[in-house]
Protein backbone atom coordinates (compact mmCIF):
# COMPACT_ATOMS: atom_id res chain seq x y z
CA MET A 1 -19.01 -11.22 3.83
CA VAL A 2 -16.57 -10.79 0.86
CA GLY A 3 -17.30 -12.83 -2.21
CA VAL A 4 -14.11 -14.33 -3.94
CA VAL A 5 -13.80 -15.63 -7.32
CA ILE A 6 -10.66 -17.36 -8.69
CA LEU A 7 -9.99 -17.05 -12.37
CA ALA A 8 -6.84 -18.54 -13.86
CA GLY A 9 -5.13 -18.50 -10.62
CA VAL A 10 -5.89 -14.89 -9.94
CA THR A 11 -7.86 -13.95 -6.94
CA MET A 12 -10.69 -11.48 -7.72
CA TYR A 13 -13.13 -9.93 -5.17
CA LYS A 14 -16.74 -8.96 -5.92
CA ALA A 15 -17.44 -5.28 -6.42
CA GLN A 16 -18.60 -4.48 -2.93
CA THR A 17 -15.16 -4.68 -1.73
CA PRO A 18 -12.79 -1.65 -2.02
CA ARG A 19 -11.02 -1.16 -5.28
CA GLY A 20 -7.56 -1.74 -3.79
CA ILE A 21 -8.54 -4.97 -2.27
CA ARG A 22 -10.34 -6.17 -5.46
CA ASN A 23 -7.08 -5.24 -7.55
CA ASN A 24 -4.84 -7.02 -4.95
CA ASN A 25 -3.20 -3.55 -4.81
CA PRO A 26 -4.07 -2.51 -1.36
CA GLY A 27 -1.81 0.63 -1.60
CA ASN A 28 -3.79 1.84 -4.76
CA ILE A 29 -0.55 2.15 -6.73
CA GLU A 30 -1.21 3.94 -9.92
CA ASP A 31 -0.14 2.36 -13.22
CA ASN A 32 2.83 4.26 -14.55
CA GLY A 33 4.22 1.44 -16.60
CA THR A 34 6.34 -0.23 -14.06
CA GLN A 35 6.56 -3.98 -14.66
CA TRP A 36 5.86 -5.03 -11.07
CA ARG A 37 6.21 -8.77 -10.03
CA GLY A 38 2.72 -10.16 -10.29
CA ARG A 39 1.24 -7.31 -12.47
CA VAL A 40 -1.62 -8.57 -14.57
CA GLY A 41 -3.02 -5.36 -15.86
CA ASP A 42 -4.73 -2.30 -14.67
CA ASP A 43 -8.25 -1.07 -14.16
CA GLY A 44 -7.78 2.10 -16.18
CA ARG A 45 -5.86 3.90 -13.46
CA PHE A 46 -4.50 1.42 -10.78
CA VAL A 47 -2.27 -1.68 -11.25
CA ILE A 48 -3.92 -5.05 -10.78
CA PHE A 49 -1.86 -7.70 -9.05
CA ASP A 50 -2.26 -11.49 -9.18
CA THR A 51 -1.95 -11.83 -5.37
CA PRO A 52 -2.15 -9.59 -2.34
CA GLU A 53 1.35 -10.40 -1.41
CA ASN A 54 2.65 -9.00 -4.66
CA GLY A 55 0.60 -5.87 -4.18
CA ILE A 56 2.00 -5.46 -0.70
CA ARG A 57 5.47 -6.16 -2.05
CA ALA A 58 5.08 -3.24 -4.56
CA LEU A 59 3.90 -0.88 -1.71
CA ALA A 60 6.77 -1.91 0.49
CA ARG A 61 9.30 -1.52 -2.42
CA THR A 62 7.86 2.04 -2.97
CA LEU A 63 8.40 2.96 0.59
CA LYS A 64 12.01 1.59 0.45
CA THR A 65 12.57 3.69 -2.66
CA TYR A 66 11.34 6.79 -0.91
CA ARG A 67 13.84 6.02 1.84
CA ASN A 68 16.86 5.08 -0.21
CA LYS A 69 16.52 7.22 -3.24
CA TYR A 70 14.78 10.30 -1.93
CA GLY A 71 15.77 10.34 1.78
CA LEU A 72 12.19 10.34 3.03
CA MET A 73 12.34 9.04 6.52
CA THR A 74 9.43 10.75 8.33
CA VAL A 75 5.63 10.03 8.20
CA ARG A 76 5.20 13.54 6.85
CA GLY A 77 7.73 13.07 4.03
CA ILE A 78 6.60 9.62 3.16
CA ILE A 79 2.91 10.40 3.12
CA ASN A 80 3.25 13.78 1.26
CA ARG A 81 4.81 11.72 -1.64
CA TRP A 82 2.57 8.83 -1.45
CA ALA A 83 -0.60 10.94 -1.33
CA PRO A 84 0.09 14.37 -2.60
CA PRO A 85 -2.17 17.20 -1.42
CA VAL A 86 -3.36 17.95 -4.99
CA GLU A 87 -5.77 14.94 -4.66
CA ASN A 88 -5.71 13.94 -1.03
CA ASP A 89 -6.37 15.24 2.51
CA THR A 90 -2.67 14.63 3.10
CA ALA A 91 -2.60 16.38 6.62
CA SER A 92 -5.29 13.89 7.79
CA TYR A 93 -3.47 10.91 6.32
CA VAL A 94 -0.24 12.08 8.09
CA ASN A 95 -1.99 12.41 11.37
CA HIS A 96 -3.60 8.94 10.88
CA VAL A 97 -0.31 7.30 10.04
CA SER A 98 1.61 9.14 13.02
CA ASN A 99 -0.99 8.28 15.53
CA SER A 100 -1.12 4.73 14.49
CA LEU A 101 2.66 4.38 14.90
CA GLY A 102 2.81 6.45 18.01
CA VAL A 103 5.24 8.92 16.50
CA THR A 104 5.21 12.53 15.60
CA PRO A 105 4.93 13.38 11.85
CA ASP A 106 8.51 14.50 11.77
CA THR A 107 10.18 11.67 13.69
CA ALA A 108 12.93 9.98 11.68
CA LEU A 109 11.76 6.29 11.19
CA SER A 110 13.95 3.26 11.11
CA GLU A 111 13.37 0.94 8.27
CA SER A 112 11.35 -1.48 10.33
CA GLN A 113 9.15 1.55 11.64
CA ALA A 114 8.80 2.55 7.93
CA MET A 115 7.57 -0.96 7.04
CA ALA A 116 5.04 -0.63 9.87
CA ILE A 117 3.36 2.05 7.70
CA VAL A 118 2.31 -0.67 5.21
CA PRO A 119 -0.77 -1.89 7.06
CA VAL A 120 -1.68 1.66 8.09
CA ILE A 121 -1.60 2.70 4.38
CA ILE A 122 -3.77 -0.33 3.58
CA ARG A 123 -6.34 0.65 6.16
CA HIS A 124 -6.30 4.37 5.06
CA GLU A 125 -6.55 3.57 1.35
CA ASN A 126 -9.32 0.99 1.70
CA GLY A 127 -11.22 1.66 4.98
CA GLN A 128 -10.01 -1.83 6.13
CA GLN A 129 -6.89 -3.93 6.57
CA PRO A 130 -8.07 -7.40 5.82
CA TYR A 131 -4.70 -9.21 5.56
CA SER A 132 -3.20 -11.69 8.11
CA VAL A 133 0.23 -10.99 9.64
CA GLU A 134 1.57 -13.78 7.42
CA VAL A 135 0.32 -12.16 4.16
CA LEU A 136 1.66 -8.73 5.21
CA ASN A 137 5.04 -10.25 6.18
CA ALA A 138 5.34 -12.27 2.92
CA GLY A 139 4.85 -9.04 0.95
CA ILE A 140 7.12 -6.95 3.00
CA SER A 141 9.92 -9.51 3.02
CA ALA A 142 9.78 -10.09 -0.64
CA ALA A 143 10.35 -6.28 -1.18
């Protein structure tokens, strides 16, 4: 059971939950100074968001930027940028996402297919995907 504490309107989770869930940042987006909607700080490395929806929004906006600015439209292209091999087992990550979506790593994805990566990234980054369809859709549609 996950313990939840609400301080000043910010949902915080007890330490036994994964870092990304505790930070309302299920994509584990590193703090690079971007003034994300709902950003309330950082934990020394990763952004902390006020709500899971805003953390999911940031994840989805990042994926849209990969598509629109960098032309990354395949699982391999997206995950190689999201989780570079210098600090991740990117090949395993690519296979996990591809298998979850039922596509090959080099299949060109539509925008809706690319957004289907969001819950898979959440599961891969945290070992779980605890959010309802409503929370996921709220974050993705806000992107």
